[in-house]
Amino acid sequence: MAALMQTSRPVVESSSISNQSAKQRLRILLVGDDDSMIEILSTALKSAGYTVYPVGTGREALRTFQSARPDLILLDLYLPDMDGRQVLLHLREWTTAPIIVMSVQQEESEKIACLDTGADDYVTKPFTIGELLARLRAALRRAFGTPRKEVFTAGDLKLDFNRREVFVGNEKVKLTATEYDLLKLLASHAGTVRTHYQLIHELWGTTQYQDVVHLLRVTVSNLRRKLECDPGLARHILTEPGVGYRLASA
């Protein structure tokens, strides 16, 4: 079996996007069928403070993505059931989260094809754990901004991305996972409209608009009930009739 990495054990760097606590809630979907590589990477990523979802096939990756909703995806191109580029294509149809491809292929044409398909970065084996963690941090900085804004505030609404906590005034608001993910999406694009289609696509990974549009409306209604003093007079989540929703930025 060809060498996968230049180290046989994790070499974990202590540096991070900003600090250790700033990453503890970030979720990584790790896709690859080489058990030894997955074990080494899982250990290194967990030690660095990430939550890791390791899977061994393309189909597992697509299923796990729906439930885990990762912040970043590490994808080995060579999988036992699907071409890695097909997995990449499906994932990119569903998410804007950073995707880093791992491959033994060093040909420029292969790298270009993956990047054109939607990969954010391409790391060639063998690589060191340190290099991979650095590329991962760089991808997250690009995705969330440099430096990443960890807290969103607008009026009396506060959203802490690290802790996945939401406050209205001094009161902590308890949200479901879907409610939080919707609010996070709107906060990431505060001041601009997100269409019904975009929100459905990003939250549920489907293009079947009619099947889940009612879920979107119910989720927005529940969010308003929890965030607004008067849900009938929305101040935070604003409706753009016939288009979608917008989170007020001030």
Protein backbone atom coordinates (compact mmCIF):
# COMPACT_ATOMS: atom_id res chain seq x y z
CA MET A 1 0.00 0.00 0.00
CA ALA A 2 1.36 3.38 -0.99
CA ALA A 3 2.33 5.81 1.70
CA LEU A 4 -0.53 8.09 2.62
CA MET A 5 1.20 10.58 4.91
CA GLN A 6 4.73 11.48 5.84
CA THR A 7 4.18 10.68 9.49
CA SER A 8 3.00 7.47 11.12
CA ARG A 9 1.45 9.22 14.08
CA PRO A 10 -0.47 12.48 14.56
CA VAL A 11 1.59 15.60 14.99
CA VAL A 12 -0.99 18.01 16.32
CA GLU A 13 -0.37 21.72 16.17
CA SER A 14 -1.46 23.81 19.12
CA SER A 15 -2.34 26.88 17.06
CA SER A 16 -5.86 27.41 15.76
CA ILE A 17 -8.09 29.83 13.85
CA SER A 18 -7.99 32.06 16.91
CA ASN A 19 -7.76 29.82 19.97
CA GLN A 20 -8.68 26.34 21.13
CA SER A 21 -12.17 27.19 22.30
CA ALA A 22 -12.93 28.86 18.98
CA LYS A 23 -13.02 25.51 17.19
CA GLN A 24 -14.69 23.15 19.58
CA ARG A 25 -18.03 23.21 17.86
CA LEU A 26 -16.73 22.99 14.30
CA ARG A 27 -17.71 19.74 12.59
CA ILE A 28 -15.58 17.88 10.05
CA LEU A 29 -16.91 15.19 7.70
CA LEU A 30 -13.94 12.88 7.00
CA VAL A 31 -14.38 10.62 3.97
CA GLY A 32 -11.99 7.80 3.05
CA ASP A 33 -11.77 4.00 3.00
CA ASP A 34 -8.19 3.63 4.28
CA ASP A 35 -8.75 2.66 7.92
CA SER A 36 -5.26 3.60 9.10
CA MET A 37 -5.41 7.04 7.48
CA ILE A 38 -8.89 7.71 8.86
CA GLU A 39 -7.80 6.67 12.35
CA ILE A 40 -4.75 8.95 12.28
CA LEU A 41 -6.68 11.92 10.90
CA SER A 42 -9.60 11.39 13.29
CA THR A 43 -7.25 11.37 16.26
CA ALA A 44 -5.43 14.49 15.09
CA LEU A 45 -8.63 16.41 14.33
CA LYS A 46 -10.25 15.48 17.64
CA SER A 47 -7.07 16.46 19.50
CA ALA A 48 -7.20 19.81 17.70
CA GLY A 49 -10.72 20.38 19.03
CA TYR A 50 -12.93 19.41 16.10
CA THR A 51 -15.94 17.11 16.09
CA VAL A 52 -15.23 14.41 13.48
CA TYR A 53 -17.65 12.28 11.46
CA PRO A 54 -15.56 9.55 9.74
CA VAL A 55 -17.16 7.54 6.92
CA GLY A 56 -15.74 4.98 4.49
CA THR A 57 -17.90 5.25 1.35
CA GLY A 58 -19.39 7.89 -0.89
CA ARG A 59 -22.94 6.91 -0.07
CA GLU A 60 -22.18 7.10 3.66
CA ALA A 61 -20.72 10.54 3.09
CA LEU A 62 -23.87 11.81 1.39
CA ARG A 63 -26.11 10.34 4.09
CA THR A 64 -23.97 11.60 6.96
CA PHE A 65 -23.79 15.07 5.45
CA GLN A 66 -27.55 15.41 5.81
CA SER A 67 -27.52 14.70 9.54
CA ALA A 68 -24.14 16.13 10.57
CA ARG A 69 -24.24 19.34 8.51
CA PRO A 70 -20.45 19.71 8.71
CA ASP A 71 -18.55 22.99 8.61
CA LEU A 72 -15.85 21.42 6.42
CA ILE A 73 -15.40 18.19 4.43
CA LEU A 74 -12.16 16.24 3.92
CA LEU A 75 -12.68 13.97 0.92
CA ASP A 76 -10.43 11.19 -0.36
CA LEU A 77 -10.97 10.81 -4.12
CA TYR A 78 -10.67 7.03 -4.17
CA LEU A 79 -13.70 5.38 -2.60
CA PRO A 80 -14.96 1.80 -2.95
CA ASP A 81 -18.47 2.60 -4.18
CA MET A 82 -18.37 5.94 -5.99
CA ASP A 83 -15.98 8.17 -7.87
CA GLY A 84 -14.79 10.85 -5.46
CA ARG A 85 -15.51 13.57 -7.98
CA GLN A 86 -19.14 12.47 -8.15
CA VAL A 87 -19.34 12.72 -4.37
CA LEU A 88 -17.74 16.16 -4.61
CA LEU A 89 -20.28 17.20 -7.24
CA HIS A 90 -23.24 16.07 -5.12
CA LEU A 91 -21.89 17.76 -2.00
CA ARG A 92 -21.27 21.02 -3.84
CA GLU A 93 -24.87 21.00 -5.08
CA TRP A 94 -25.98 20.95 -1.43
CA THR A 95 -23.49 23.08 0.47
CA THR A 96 -21.05 25.97 0.33
CA ALA A 97 -18.96 24.47 3.15
CA PRO A 98 -15.24 24.15 2.31
CA ILE A 99 -14.24 20.83 0.71
CA ILE A 100 -10.60 19.72 0.74
CA VAL A 101 -9.73 16.84 -1.59
CA MET A 102 -7.01 14.34 -0.63
CA SER A 103 -5.43 12.29 -3.43
CA VAL A 104 -2.29 10.49 -4.55
CA GLN A 105 -2.78 11.97 -8.04
CA GLN A 106 -0.32 14.78 -8.66
CA GLU A 107 -1.29 15.59 -12.25
CA GLU A 108 -2.25 19.20 -12.83
CA SER A 109 -5.27 18.14 -14.89
CA GLU A 110 -6.67 16.15 -11.94
CA LYS A 111 -6.24 19.08 -9.58
CA ILE A 112 -7.89 21.47 -12.04
CA ALA A 113 -10.81 19.08 -12.57
CA CYS A 114 -11.45 18.82 -8.82
CA LEU A 115 -11.17 22.56 -8.26
CA ASP A 116 -13.49 23.22 -11.19
CA THR A 117 -15.96 20.69 -9.78
CA GLY A 118 -16.10 22.65 -6.53
CA ALA A 119 -13.18 21.69 -4.28
CA ASP A 120 -11.70 24.55 -2.24
CA ASP A 121 -8.28 22.91 -1.94
CA TYR A 122 -6.38 19.83 -3.13
CA VAL A 123 -3.73 18.18 -0.97
CA THR A 124 -1.49 15.53 -2.47
CA LYS A 125 -0.42 12.41 -0.56
CA PRO A 126 1.91 11.95 1.18
CA PHE A 127 1.31 14.94 3.42
CA THR A 128 1.95 15.80 7.05
CA ILE A 129 -0.75 16.30 9.64
CA GLY A 130 0.61 19.79 10.22
CA GLU A 131 0.16 20.73 6.57
CA LEU A 132 -3.38 19.37 6.46
CA LEU A 133 -4.40 21.22 9.63
CA ALA A 134 -2.95 24.44 8.22
CA ARG A 135 -4.90 24.01 4.98
CA LEU A 136 -8.03 23.25 6.99
CA ARG A 137 -7.64 26.41 9.06
CA ALA A 138 -7.05 28.47 5.92
CA ALA A 139 -10.20 27.05 4.29
CA LEU A 140 -12.25 27.88 7.37
CA ARG A 141 -10.85 31.42 7.46
CA ARG A 142 -11.83 31.92 3.82
CA ALA A 143 -15.28 30.49 4.46
CA PHE A 144 -16.04 32.51 7.57
CA GLY A 145 -13.93 35.59 6.97
CA THR A 146 -10.53 36.68 8.25
CA PRO A 147 -10.66 36.94 11.13
CA ARG A 148 -13.78 34.87 11.51
CA LYS A 149 -16.58 36.81 13.18
CA GLU A 150 -17.58 34.64 16.11
CA VAL A 151 -20.53 36.67 17.39
CA PHE A 152 -23.35 38.27 15.39
CA THR A 153 -25.38 41.05 16.97
CA ALA A 154 -28.32 43.04 15.66
CA GLY A 155 -30.38 45.06 18.08
CA ASP A 156 -31.15 42.85 21.07
CA LEU A 157 -30.33 39.66 19.12
CA LYS A 158 -26.99 37.97 19.75
CA LEU A 159 -25.76 34.78 18.04
CA ASP A 160 -22.56 33.12 19.31
CA PHE A 161 -21.31 30.84 16.51
CA ASN A 162 -18.72 29.09 18.70
CA ARG A 163 -21.08 28.11 21.48
CA ARG A 164 -24.13 27.73 19.24
CA GLU A 165 -25.98 30.00 21.66
CA VAL A 166 -28.63 32.62 20.96
CA PHE A 167 -29.71 35.48 23.22
CA VAL A 168 -32.47 38.06 23.04
CA GLY A 169 -31.41 40.76 25.43
CA ASN A 170 -29.98 38.91 28.43
CA GLU A 171 -32.21 35.90 27.95
CA LYS A 172 -30.79 32.73 26.40
CA VAL A 173 -33.11 31.28 23.77
CA LYS A 174 -33.38 27.51 23.30
CA LEU A 175 -33.55 26.53 19.63
CA THR A 176 -33.83 23.22 17.83
CA ALA A 177 -30.94 22.21 15.55
CA THR A 178 -32.91 23.20 12.45
CA GLU A 179 -33.97 26.53 13.94
CA TYR A 180 -30.37 27.32 14.85
CA ASP A 181 -29.06 26.32 11.41
CA LEU A 182 -31.65 28.53 9.72
CA LEU A 183 -30.80 31.49 11.95
CA LYS A 184 -27.09 30.92 11.34
CA LEU A 185 -27.66 30.92 7.57
CA LEU A 186 -29.62 34.15 7.75
CA ALA A 187 -27.03 35.74 10.06
CA SER A 188 -24.22 34.76 7.67
CA HIS A 189 -26.01 36.81 4.99
CA ALA A 190 -27.52 39.46 7.26
CA GLY A 191 -29.05 42.37 5.40
CA THR A 192 -29.50 40.40 2.18
CA VAL A 193 -32.36 38.23 1.03
CA ARG A 194 -32.04 34.44 1.00
CA THR A 195 -34.59 32.90 -1.31
CA HIS A 196 -36.91 30.09 -0.28
CA TYR A 197 -35.06 27.83 -2.71
CA GLN A 198 -31.62 28.71 -1.30
CA LEU A 199 -32.69 28.12 2.30
CA ILE A 200 -34.40 24.81 1.50
CA HIS A 201 -31.39 23.67 -0.50
CA GLU A 202 -28.91 24.57 2.26
CA LEU A 203 -30.97 23.28 5.19
CA TRP A 204 -32.40 20.04 3.81
CA GLY A 205 -30.15 19.34 0.83
CA THR A 206 -33.03 18.98 -1.60
CA THR A 207 -34.25 20.73 -4.73
CA GLN A 208 -37.81 19.43 -4.26
CA TYR A 209 -39.19 22.79 -3.23
CA GLN A 210 -42.84 21.83 -2.76
CA ASP A 211 -41.97 18.87 -0.51
CA VAL A 212 -40.42 20.96 2.26
CA VAL A 213 -41.54 24.57 1.76
CA HIS A 214 -44.06 24.09 4.58
CA LEU A 215 -41.19 23.02 6.89
CA LEU A 216 -39.37 26.24 6.10
CA ARG A 217 -42.44 28.32 6.91
CA VAL A 218 -43.04 26.44 10.16
CA THR A 219 -39.37 26.85 11.17
CA VAL A 220 -39.47 30.59 10.46
CA SER A 221 -42.71 30.89 12.42
CA ASN A 222 -41.20 29.05 15.40
CA LEU A 223 -38.06 31.20 15.26
CA ARG A 224 -40.10 34.38 15.25
CA ARG A 225 -42.13 33.16 18.20
CA LYS A 226 -38.88 32.68 20.16
CA LEU A 227 -36.99 35.78 18.97
CA GLU A 228 -39.60 38.47 18.54
CA CYS A 229 -41.43 40.37 21.27
CA ASP A 230 -44.41 40.39 18.92
CA PRO A 231 -44.18 37.66 16.21
CA GLY A 232 -46.77 39.55 14.22
CA LEU A 233 -44.47 42.59 14.00
CA ALA A 234 -41.17 40.99 12.99
CA ARG A 235 -38.05 43.06 13.69
CA HIS A 236 -35.37 40.44 13.10
CA ILE A 237 -36.54 37.93 10.48
CA LEU A 238 -38.14 39.93 7.70
CA THR A 239 -40.26 38.48 4.90
CA GLU A 240 -39.59 39.47 1.30
CA PRO A 241 -42.97 38.56 -0.25
CA GLY A 242 -42.72 35.90 -2.91
CA VAL A 243 -38.91 35.74 -2.59
CA GLY A 244 -37.65 34.62 0.83
CA TYR A 245 -36.39 35.98 4.14
CA ARG A 246 -33.85 38.49 5.35
CA LEU A 247 -32.29 38.94 8.78
CA ALA A 248 -32.08 42.56 9.82
CA SER A 249 -28.46 43.63 10.25
CA ALA A 250 -29.09 46.40 12.76
